[in-house]
Protein backbone atom coordinates (compact mmCIF):
# COMPACT_ATOMS: atom_id res chain seq x y z
CA MET A 1 -54.30 160.75 93.03
CA GLN A 2 -54.47 164.16 94.65
CA ILE A 3 -51.41 166.04 95.68
CA GLU A 4 -51.62 169.07 98.02
CA THR A 5 -48.87 171.38 99.40
CA ARG A 6 -49.95 173.04 102.60
CA THR A 7 -48.86 174.19 106.06
CA LEU A 8 -47.95 171.42 108.50
CA LYS A 9 -50.29 171.23 111.52
CA VAL A 10 -49.72 169.83 114.99
CA ASP A 11 -52.48 167.36 114.31
CA ASP A 12 -50.33 165.87 111.62
CA TYR A 13 -47.74 164.79 114.16
CA ASP A 14 -48.41 161.04 114.24
CA GLU A 15 -48.26 160.77 110.47
CA LEU A 16 -45.11 162.91 110.45
CA VAL A 17 -43.39 160.46 112.69
CA GLU A 18 -44.34 157.43 110.55
CA THR A 19 -43.22 159.17 107.35
CA MET A 20 -39.90 160.30 108.99
CA ARG A 21 -39.15 156.75 110.14
CA ARG A 22 -39.72 155.33 106.69
CA ALA A 23 -37.46 158.12 105.16
CA TYR A 24 -34.60 157.56 107.76
CA PRO A 25 -34.68 153.90 108.68
CA GLN A 26 -31.11 154.05 110.01
CA MET A 27 -31.91 156.92 112.18
CA SER A 28 -35.45 155.83 113.36
CA GLU A 29 -34.76 156.76 116.98
CA TYR A 30 -34.08 160.44 116.10
CA VAL A 31 -37.59 161.75 115.42
CA TRP A 32 -39.11 165.04 116.09
CA SER A 33 -40.95 165.51 119.35
CA LYS A 34 -44.46 166.77 119.27
CA LYS A 35 -43.34 169.65 121.47
CA SER A 36 -40.78 170.77 118.87
CA ILE A 37 -43.37 170.62 116.02
CA ALA A 38 -45.85 172.60 118.08
CA LYS A 39 -43.28 175.27 118.83
CA LEU A 40 -42.17 175.58 115.18
CA ASN A 41 -45.74 175.91 114.19
CA LYS A 42 -46.35 178.59 116.72
CA ILE A 43 -43.32 180.79 115.97
CA PHE A 44 -43.24 180.33 112.20
CA GLU A 45 -46.21 178.56 110.75
CA ALA A 46 -45.56 179.49 107.17
CA GLY A 47 -42.11 177.80 107.28
CA GLN A 48 -43.46 174.31 108.20
CA ILE A 49 -44.55 172.75 104.93
CA CYS A 50 -45.95 169.35 104.02
CA ILE A 51 -47.23 167.61 100.94
CA THR A 52 -50.07 165.15 101.18
CA VAL A 53 -50.93 162.45 98.60
CA ASP A 54 -54.59 161.47 98.81
CA GLY A 55 -54.70 163.15 102.16
CA LYS A 56 -51.70 161.26 103.70
CA ILE A 57 -48.44 162.99 104.75
CA ALA A 58 -45.82 162.14 102.10
CA ALA A 59 -43.16 164.83 102.50
CA VAL A 60 -42.23 167.50 105.08
CA ALA A 61 -39.92 170.50 105.16
CA LEU A 62 -39.19 172.51 108.37
CA SER A 63 -37.58 175.97 108.42
CA ILE A 64 -36.76 178.98 110.70
CA ILE A 65 -35.61 182.45 109.91
CA VAL A 66 -32.29 183.57 111.45
CA ASN A 67 -30.04 186.53 111.47
CA TYR A 68 -27.27 184.69 109.64
CA ASP A 69 -24.58 187.25 110.53
CA GLU A 70 -24.73 186.04 114.18
CA PHE A 71 -23.68 182.43 113.12
CA GLY A 72 -21.54 182.74 110.11
CA ASP A 73 -20.53 179.86 107.95
CA ASP A 74 -18.93 177.87 110.72
CA HIS A 75 -21.78 176.42 112.90
CA THR A 76 -23.44 173.19 113.94
CA TYR A 77 -26.99 172.06 113.77
CA SER A 78 -27.25 172.65 117.53
CA ASP A 79 -25.90 176.22 117.14
CA ILE A 80 -28.33 177.24 114.48
CA THR A 81 -31.38 175.76 116.23
CA GLY A 82 -30.43 176.97 119.78
CA ASN A 83 -29.92 173.45 120.91
CA TYR A 84 -33.38 172.46 119.47
CA SER A 85 -35.10 175.27 121.37
CA PHE A 86 -35.59 177.26 118.09
CA ASN A 87 -35.04 180.45 120.11
CA THR A 88 -32.67 181.46 117.26
CA HIS A 89 -35.76 182.21 115.11
CA ILE A 90 -36.23 185.84 114.52
CA SER A 91 -38.91 187.13 112.14
CA THR A 92 -36.71 190.13 111.22
CA GLY A 93 -33.78 187.89 110.11
CA ASN A 94 -32.37 187.75 106.72
CA VAL A 95 -32.08 184.03 105.92
CA LEU A 96 -34.52 181.16 105.57
CA TYR A 97 -32.59 178.25 107.28
CA GLY A 98 -33.79 174.68 106.32
CA ILE A 99 -33.65 172.43 109.42
CA GLU A 100 -35.42 169.35 108.05
CA ILE A 101 -36.73 167.77 104.90
CA PHE A 102 -37.75 164.20 104.10
CA VAL A 103 -39.87 162.35 101.68
CA ASP A 104 -41.67 158.99 102.21
CA PRO A 105 -39.70 156.45 99.94
CA GLU A 106 -43.04 155.17 98.63
CA TYR A 107 -43.61 158.53 96.88
CA ARG A 108 -40.06 159.63 95.82
CA GLU A 109 -40.92 159.03 92.11
CA LEU A 110 -43.40 161.87 92.28
CA ARG A 111 -40.56 164.40 92.71
CA LEU A 112 -42.15 165.82 95.87
CA GLY A 113 -38.75 166.96 97.21
CA ARG A 114 -38.54 169.44 94.30
CA ARG A 115 -42.04 170.76 95.21
CA LEU A 116 -40.80 171.30 98.73
CA TYR A 117 -37.80 173.18 97.62
CA ASP A 118 -39.95 175.31 95.24
CA ALA A 119 -42.26 176.12 98.03
CA ARG A 120 -39.34 177.23 100.20
CA LYS A 121 -38.03 179.41 97.38
CA GLU A 122 -41.39 181.00 96.93
CA LEU A 123 -41.58 181.69 100.68
CA CYS A 124 -38.12 183.20 100.72
CA GLU A 125 -39.05 185.52 97.77
CA LEU A 126 -42.35 186.44 99.41
CA LEU A 127 -40.63 187.35 102.67
CA ASN A 128 -37.86 189.20 100.92
CA LEU A 129 -35.16 187.15 102.55
CA LYS A 130 -31.63 187.14 101.25
CA SER A 131 -31.18 183.39 100.78
CA ILE A 132 -32.01 179.82 101.86
CA ILE A 133 -29.18 178.13 103.70
CA LEU A 134 -29.03 174.68 105.07
CA GLY A 135 -26.65 172.04 106.28
CA GLY A 136 -27.10 169.15 103.72
CA ARG A 137 -26.46 165.52 104.65
CA ILE A 138 -24.08 163.43 102.43
CA PRO A 139 -25.45 160.08 103.23
CA HIS A 140 -23.35 158.06 100.72
CA TYR A 141 -20.09 159.55 101.94
CA HIS A 142 -19.48 156.61 104.20
CA LYS A 143 -18.98 154.44 101.14
CA HIS A 144 -16.09 156.64 100.06
CA SER A 145 -14.74 158.15 103.26
CA HIS A 146 -11.84 155.65 103.41
CA GLU A 147 -10.41 157.07 100.15
CA LEU A 148 -11.80 160.56 99.75
CA SER A 149 -11.96 163.61 101.95
CA ALA A 150 -15.34 165.18 102.35
CA ARG A 151 -14.17 168.08 100.08
CA GLU A 152 -13.13 165.78 97.32
CA TYR A 153 -16.28 163.77 97.58
CA ILE A 154 -18.38 166.97 97.16
CA ARG A 155 -16.29 167.92 94.09
CA ARG A 156 -16.93 164.48 92.50
CA VAL A 157 -20.66 164.57 93.18
CA ARG A 158 -20.75 168.05 91.68
CA ASP A 159 -18.99 166.70 88.63
CA LYS A 160 -21.50 163.79 88.47
CA GLU A 161 -18.74 161.17 88.97
CA ILE A 162 -20.54 160.02 92.17
CA TYR A 163 -24.25 160.09 93.03
CA ASP A 164 -25.40 161.19 96.43
CA PRO A 165 -29.19 161.18 96.97
CA VAL A 166 -29.15 164.46 98.99
CA LEU A 167 -26.29 166.46 97.62
CA SER A 168 -27.05 165.57 94.01
CA PHE A 169 -30.63 166.62 94.58
CA GLN A 170 -29.68 169.91 96.09
CA LEU A 171 -27.21 170.75 93.37
CA SER A 172 -29.92 170.04 90.77
CA ASN A 173 -32.12 172.60 92.63
CA ASN A 174 -29.60 175.36 92.09
CA PHE A 175 -28.18 175.24 95.62
CA LEU A 176 -24.42 176.03 95.76
CA PRO A 177 -21.94 174.29 98.13
CA ILE A 178 -20.26 176.88 100.41
CA LYS A 179 -18.04 174.64 102.68
CA VAL A 180 -17.85 171.46 104.68
CA LEU A 181 -19.31 171.62 108.21
CA LYS A 182 -17.44 169.34 110.57
CA LYS A 183 -19.29 167.76 113.45
CA TYR A 184 -22.51 169.27 112.22
CA LEU A 185 -24.85 166.44 113.23
CA PRO A 186 -23.09 163.98 115.53
CA GLU A 187 -25.73 161.19 115.07
CA ASP A 188 -25.30 161.25 111.30
CA GLU A 189 -22.92 158.43 110.91
CA ALA A 190 -23.57 157.83 107.23
CA SER A 191 -22.29 161.34 106.49
CA ARG A 192 -19.43 160.80 109.01
CA GLU A 193 -20.91 163.70 111.02
CA ASN A 194 -20.23 166.05 108.03
CA ALA A 195 -22.66 168.27 106.30
CA VAL A 196 -22.31 170.54 103.26
CA LEU A 197 -23.27 174.14 103.75
CA MET A 198 -25.60 174.83 100.86
CA GLN A 199 -26.94 178.18 99.75
CA TRP A 200 -29.68 179.36 97.26
CA ASN A 201 -29.70 183.18 96.72
CA ASN A 202 -32.91 185.06 96.26
CA ILE A 203 -32.30 187.07 93.12
CA TYR A 204 -35.23 189.27 93.94
CA TYR A 205 -33.93 190.27 97.41
CA SER A 206 -33.77 193.97 98.03
CA LYS A 207 -33.36 196.14 101.18
CA LYS A 208 -36.50 197.92 99.80
CA PRO A 209 -39.34 196.30 101.73
CA ASN A 210 -41.76 196.11 98.66
CA THR A 211 -39.21 194.82 96.21
CA MET A 212 -41.60 192.34 94.55
CA GLN A 213 -44.08 195.14 93.93
CA ASP A 214 -41.56 197.72 92.90
CA SER A 215 -40.19 195.67 90.08
CA VAL A 216 -42.72 196.82 87.51
CA ILE A 217 -41.62 199.99 85.64
CA ARG A 218 -44.00 201.94 83.36
CA LEU A 219 -42.49 203.41 80.21
CA GLY A 220 -44.18 206.17 78.21
CA LEU A 221 -42.98 206.71 74.59
CA VAL A 222 -43.94 209.67 72.54
CA GLN A 223 -44.27 209.29 68.73
CA TRP A 224 -43.81 212.90 68.00
CA GLN A 225 -45.45 214.55 64.94
CA MET A 226 -43.23 217.01 63.18
CA ARG A 227 -45.16 220.31 62.77
CA GLN A 228 -44.59 223.97 62.44
CA PHE A 229 -44.86 225.99 65.72
CA LYS A 230 -45.71 229.68 65.72
CA ASP A 231 -43.33 230.14 68.60
CA ILE A 232 -41.49 228.38 71.37
CA HIS A 233 -44.46 228.63 73.70
CA ALA A 234 -46.53 226.48 71.33
CA PHE A 235 -43.71 223.90 71.35
CA TYR A 236 -43.78 223.94 75.12
CA GLU A 237 -47.50 223.41 75.14
CA GLN A 238 -47.17 220.27 73.02
CA VAL A 239 -44.36 218.87 75.16
CA GLU A 240 -46.38 219.53 78.31
CA PHE A 241 -49.44 217.87 76.85
CA PHE A 242 -47.53 214.65 76.47
CA VAL A 243 -45.83 214.83 79.88
CA ASN A 244 -49.29 215.50 81.47
CA VAL A 245 -50.79 212.47 79.77
CA MET A 246 -47.86 210.28 80.91
CA GLY A 247 -48.05 211.61 84.42
CA ASP A 248 -51.80 210.86 84.53
CA TYR A 249 -51.01 207.29 83.64
CA LYS A 250 -48.35 207.01 86.34
CA SER A 251 -45.46 206.55 83.89
CA ASP A 252 -41.94 206.29 85.46
CA PHE A 253 -40.27 207.54 82.29
CA VAL A 254 -41.26 209.58 79.27
CA LEU A 255 -39.15 209.20 76.11
CA PHE A 256 -39.11 211.89 73.38
CA PRO A 257 -37.43 211.31 69.94
CA GLU A 258 -34.09 212.49 68.74
CA LEU A 259 -33.96 216.20 67.58
CA PHE A 260 -37.66 216.56 68.21
CA ASN A 261 -37.28 220.29 68.64
CA THR A 262 -36.01 220.85 65.02
CA PRO A 263 -39.31 222.42 63.88
CA LEU A 264 -37.98 225.43 65.71
CA LEU A 265 -35.32 225.67 62.87
CA ALA A 266 -37.87 227.21 60.56
CA PRO A 267 -36.97 230.91 61.38
CA PHE A 268 -33.33 230.16 60.45
CA ASN A 269 -34.06 228.56 57.10
CA ASN A 270 -32.12 231.39 55.28
CA LEU A 271 -28.91 230.09 56.99
CA SER A 272 -26.77 227.10 56.13
CA GLU A 273 -27.68 223.83 57.87
CA ARG A 274 -24.86 224.12 60.32
CA ASP A 275 -25.47 227.79 61.12
CA SER A 276 -29.18 227.16 61.66
CA MET A 277 -28.40 224.31 64.02
CA ILE A 278 -26.00 226.60 65.92
CA GLU A 279 -28.83 229.05 66.28
CA LEU A 280 -31.16 226.23 67.57
CA ALA A 281 -28.48 225.29 70.07
CA LYS A 282 -28.67 228.71 71.73
CA ILE A 283 -32.13 227.81 73.12
CA THR A 284 -31.24 224.22 74.34
CA GLU A 285 -30.45 225.36 77.90
CA GLU A 286 -33.79 227.07 78.15
CA ILE A 287 -35.70 224.04 76.69
CA LYS A 288 -33.70 221.70 79.01
CA MET A 289 -34.66 223.65 82.16
CA LYS A 290 -38.32 223.98 81.13
CA ILE A 291 -38.63 220.22 80.61
CA SER A 292 -36.83 219.64 83.94
CA ASP A 293 -39.57 221.70 85.63
CA LEU A 294 -42.19 219.50 83.95
CA ALA A 295 -40.43 216.41 85.20
CA ILE A 296 -40.66 217.67 88.72
CA SER A 297 -44.22 219.08 88.38
CA TYR A 298 -45.60 215.85 86.86
CA ASN A 299 -43.43 213.45 88.89
CA VAL A 300 -41.99 211.58 85.98
CA ASN A 301 -38.50 211.08 84.68
CA ILE A 302 -38.09 212.61 81.14
CA ILE A 303 -35.62 211.62 78.51
CA SER A 304 -35.73 214.77 76.34
CA GLY A 305 -34.98 213.08 73.05
CA SER A 306 -31.98 214.93 71.90
CA MET A 307 -31.08 218.59 71.11
CA PRO A 308 -28.06 220.36 69.81
CA ILE A 309 -25.43 222.09 71.90
CA PHE A 310 -22.64 224.34 70.60
CA GLU A 311 -19.54 224.28 72.68
CA ASN A 312 -15.95 225.46 71.87
CA ASN A 313 -16.98 225.87 68.27
CA ASP A 314 -18.26 222.24 68.13
CA LEU A 315 -21.80 220.95 67.67
CA TYR A 316 -22.93 217.91 69.71
CA ASN A 317 -26.14 215.92 69.64
CA VAL A 318 -27.15 215.72 73.34
CA SER A 319 -29.91 213.92 75.25
CA TYR A 320 -30.83 214.95 78.76
CA LEU A 321 -32.17 212.70 81.53
CA LEU A 322 -34.30 214.97 83.63
CA HIS A 323 -35.07 213.22 86.90
CA ARG A 324 -38.35 213.82 88.75
CA ASP A 325 -36.25 214.84 91.81
CA GLY A 326 -34.65 217.67 89.90
CA ARG A 327 -31.29 216.07 89.04
CA ILE A 328 -30.06 216.39 85.46
CA ASP A 329 -27.84 214.05 83.54
CA GLU A 330 -26.66 214.25 79.90
CA TYR A 331 -25.48 211.86 77.21
CA ARG A 332 -23.75 212.95 74.06
CA LYS A 333 -24.21 210.91 70.91
CA ILE A 334 -21.08 208.84 70.36
CA HIS A 335 -21.46 207.73 66.68
CA ILE A 336 -22.19 210.63 64.27
CA THR A 337 -23.86 209.64 60.99
CA PRO A 338 -22.39 210.71 57.63
CA ASN A 339 -25.41 213.05 57.25
CA GLU A 340 -24.80 214.87 60.58
CA ARG A 341 -21.10 215.25 59.70
CA LYS A 342 -21.82 216.54 56.16
CA TYR A 343 -24.60 219.00 56.93
CA TYR A 344 -23.85 220.06 60.53
CA GLY A 345 -20.26 219.12 61.20
CA MET A 346 -21.29 217.38 64.42
CA LYS A 347 -18.76 215.82 66.77
CA GLY A 348 -19.22 212.67 68.77
CA GLY A 349 -19.19 212.50 72.58
CA ASN A 350 -16.67 210.55 74.60
CA GLU A 351 -18.55 209.38 77.88
CA ILE A 352 -20.18 206.01 78.13
CA LYS A 353 -21.92 205.34 81.43
CA VAL A 354 -25.23 204.06 82.95
CA PHE A 355 -27.38 206.41 84.93
CA ASP A 356 -28.80 205.68 88.37
CA THR A 357 -32.58 206.48 88.70
CA ASP A 358 -35.23 205.82 91.21
CA CYS A 359 -36.17 202.81 89.04
CA GLY A 360 -32.66 201.38 88.86
CA LYS A 361 -29.85 201.62 86.32
CA ILE A 362 -30.71 202.70 82.77
CA GLY A 363 -28.74 203.18 79.59
CA LEU A 364 -29.17 205.91 77.04
CA VAL A 365 -27.86 205.95 73.42
CA ILE A 366 -29.00 208.01 70.44
CA CYS A 367 -30.25 206.49 67.21
CA TYR A 368 -27.04 205.40 65.14
CA ASP A 369 -25.33 204.38 68.47
CA VAL A 370 -27.63 201.40 68.81
CA GLU A 371 -26.14 199.95 65.59
CA PHE A 372 -22.79 199.48 67.34
CA PRO A 373 -23.27 196.44 69.71
CA GLU A 374 -20.12 197.20 71.84
CA LEU A 375 -21.75 200.32 73.32
CA PRO A 376 -24.90 198.72 74.86
CA ARG A 377 -22.77 195.69 75.95
CA ILE A 378 -20.56 197.95 78.01
CA LEU A 379 -23.67 199.51 79.55
CA ALA A 380 -25.07 196.05 80.32
CA ASP A 381 -21.84 195.14 82.08
CA GLN A 382 -22.35 198.23 84.21
CA GLY A 383 -25.84 197.00 85.38
CA MET A 384 -28.14 198.54 82.81
CA LYS A 385 -31.69 197.02 82.80
CA ILE A 386 -33.56 199.45 80.39
CA LEU A 387 -31.92 200.99 77.31
CA PHE A 388 -33.63 204.10 75.89
CA VAL A 389 -33.04 204.96 72.22
CA PRO A 390 -34.40 208.25 70.88
CA TYR A 391 -33.99 208.21 67.08
CA LEU A 392 -34.75 210.21 63.95
CA THR A 393 -35.09 208.34 60.67
CA ASP A 394 -36.22 209.60 57.41
CA THR A 395 -36.99 206.43 55.46
CA GLN A 396 -38.38 203.03 56.32
CA ASN A 397 -34.98 201.22 55.60
CA ALA A 398 -33.24 203.61 57.89
CA TYR A 399 -35.91 202.88 60.62
CA MET A 400 -35.55 199.13 60.16
CA ARG A 401 -31.85 199.39 60.85
CA VAL A 402 -32.56 200.98 64.23
CA ARG A 403 -35.43 198.68 64.98
CA HIS A 404 -33.56 195.43 64.19
CA CYS A 405 -30.44 196.49 66.00
CA ALA A 406 -32.40 197.64 69.10
CA ALA A 407 -34.20 194.23 69.17
CA ALA A 408 -30.89 192.48 69.02
CA ARG A 409 -29.50 194.55 71.83
CA ALA A 410 -32.39 193.46 74.05
CA ILE A 411 -31.70 189.78 73.46
CA GLU A 412 -27.91 189.91 73.71
CA ASN A 413 -27.82 192.17 76.84
CA GLU A 414 -30.74 190.60 78.68
CA CYS A 415 -32.47 193.98 78.97
CA TYR A 416 -35.47 195.96 77.77
CA VAL A 417 -34.94 198.45 74.85
CA ALA A 418 -37.40 201.38 74.28
CA ILE A 419 -37.25 203.31 71.02
CA ALA A 420 -39.14 206.45 70.01
CA GLY A 421 -38.93 208.56 66.89
CA CYS A 422 -40.48 211.41 64.91
CA VAL A 423 -43.15 210.86 62.30
CA GLY A 424 -44.70 212.99 59.44
CA ASN A 425 -43.35 215.70 57.29
CA LEU A 426 -41.68 219.03 57.94
CA PRO A 427 -41.75 221.28 54.83
CA GLY A 428 -39.94 224.51 55.11
CA VAL A 429 -36.99 223.27 57.22
CA ASN A 430 -33.81 222.33 55.36
CA ASN A 431 -32.78 218.73 55.71
CA MET A 432 -35.78 217.81 57.91
CA ASP A 433 -38.29 217.20 55.25
CA ILE A 434 -39.56 213.57 55.85
CA GLN A 435 -39.68 211.18 58.79
CA PHE A 436 -40.64 207.57 59.29
CA GLY A 437 -41.10 206.06 62.72
CA GLN A 438 -42.68 203.42 64.95
CA ALA A 439 -42.14 203.46 68.65
CA ALA A 440 -41.58 200.06 70.29
CA VAL A 441 -40.37 198.31 73.39
CA PHE A 442 -38.28 195.12 72.82
CA THR A 443 -37.61 192.28 75.29
CA PRO A 444 -35.32 189.35 75.52
CA SER A 445 -36.58 186.18 73.77
CA ASP A 446 -37.58 183.56 76.31
CA PHE A 447 -40.63 182.09 77.94
CA ALA A 448 -41.28 184.90 80.39
CA PHE A 449 -41.50 187.38 77.55
CA PRO A 450 -43.81 187.93 74.46
CA SER A 451 -43.16 185.22 71.88
CA ASN A 452 -42.08 187.79 69.29
CA ALA A 453 -39.88 189.69 71.87
CA VAL A 454 -41.94 192.85 71.31
CA LYS A 455 -43.62 194.13 74.42
CA GLY A 456 -45.49 196.90 72.62
CA GLU A 457 -45.43 198.93 69.39
CA ALA A 458 -47.17 202.07 68.13
CA THR A 459 -48.92 202.49 64.82
CA PRO A 460 -46.35 203.51 62.20
CA ASN A 461 -46.27 207.21 61.14
CA THR A 462 -49.03 208.32 63.43
CA GLU A 463 -48.66 210.74 66.36
CA MET A 464 -49.55 208.78 69.50
CA THR A 465 -48.16 207.63 72.77
CA LEU A 466 -47.14 204.10 73.73
CA ILE A 467 -47.37 203.02 77.41
CA VAL A 468 -45.77 199.75 78.40
CA ASP A 469 -45.09 198.07 81.72
CA VAL A 470 -41.77 196.11 82.03
CA ASP A 471 -40.82 193.85 84.96
CA VAL A 472 -37.09 193.93 85.89
CA ASN A 473 -37.47 190.91 88.07
CA LEU A 474 -38.09 188.84 84.86
CA LEU A 475 -34.56 189.92 83.76
CA LYS A 476 -33.09 188.72 86.95
CA ASP A 477 -34.77 185.33 86.55
CA LEU A 478 -33.63 185.16 82.89
CA HIS A 479 -30.00 185.87 83.86
CA TYR A 480 -29.99 182.91 86.32
CA ASN A 481 -32.51 180.49 84.89
CA GLY A 482 -33.05 181.40 81.22
CA SER A 483 -33.08 178.88 78.37
CA VAL A 484 -29.89 180.64 77.28
CA GLN A 485 -27.85 182.82 79.53
CA ILE A 486 -26.02 185.06 77.13
CA LEU A 487 -24.12 187.39 79.61
CA LYS A 488 -22.94 184.47 81.72
CA ASP A 489 -21.93 182.26 78.81
CA ARG A 490 -19.61 184.67 77.07
CA ARG A 491 -16.17 183.14 76.41
CA THR A 492 -14.26 185.86 78.23
CA ASP A 493 -11.18 183.67 78.02
CA LEU A 494 -11.16 184.27 74.23
CA TYR A 495 -12.62 187.76 73.92
CA GLU A 496 -14.00 190.69 75.87
CA THR A 497 -15.56 194.13 75.36
CA TYR A 498 -14.14 196.92 77.66
CA LEU A 499 -14.02 200.63 77.94
CA LYS A 500 -10.82 202.38 77.24
């Protein structure tokens, strides 16, 4: 047996009529005219789909594209088809409207209807249309119309108390009932002239014309070797080297580690840890603006790890998001480690928010922050798709805390998580002597992602870059169709996480 899905041709008309009459024996006089099939094929060939079994027409689906706002949710079949003229079809419309689907009863066990629906969904995504809408028949309604309203019938079919061959099938294919359409198809006596307005939303739809191609985002992670610099210009040279490399590889983001500029503490080693950090904070503004210039010059968004700032006699650990269009955002580390409090007297920030970038919404937390699941959950509720985590860990067990928590955040928040840290040793700088790190990008754990939920990882304790592509459309698909749907399945009737 050979099954093929292809575009319907006018030459298929005779077989189409035979198949349609077998599919609708009670409506055998209402068959498509050859003139109608020819016009549909002419105005929208890709929307007319058939499935053949051993070369014989076994199933057919017909569609048009409409500007749905002109019709709204209260229309008839005649309205939507322009009284069967199909003059309502417009290639610049926003909705794929299904006007016919049928399967030869001889082949219904082959699940050909599902193949037709899948082909329609693929077409809807390819054409970047907002949704598929159709008026679905309810052919078993006549058996219950004497005791149930159409609305109650739909509810019971949805709850699987009643089986309807059309409505049950559409519900199983992720179509949602919107409303009952009265007098939709007058010749449909079995449905008592009713239809159910059904809708399937294209989760990939975007007003951007190239949304399917624009979904892949390239992340560049810097595994930064701690080293002495003779002056700040040598530090800038090293930063620019990595930005240049990432720019050449067309990265959308470059992530540097937490406190990656602390080699510049060396001249202040005669001071206390807090006082030396205050001295380092005095050049943070200069470093920020220099890296912002690099972001613009190399056309890449840069997350500048983190650096200290001194404000109103308080020290903060701050990361800057330096957009390639020149905008600058900042995030202040919320959760301060005991070490940071003891040696530097650092204070935590008090603002939690996602950042809008040219690649969508991202989140940013610093090291210890990722060990508190509430924080990334709040960001996920605000639309975050990628979470960046610059970190600085001295020992392997400290690194593993960051790594495992970051991996958990990716799974529970249906997002990507990128982490980058410093490596190597830094003698001669108080409290910055040893580092352990391994940059990595973590994913959710489902079929569309790597089986170990790790998209990429660097060699531990070696200065290098890690460049990884992530596809945000996979996150959309996971949210709606994943094996588990964590964000949707939360019991918000029992608990919730919210921002005060």
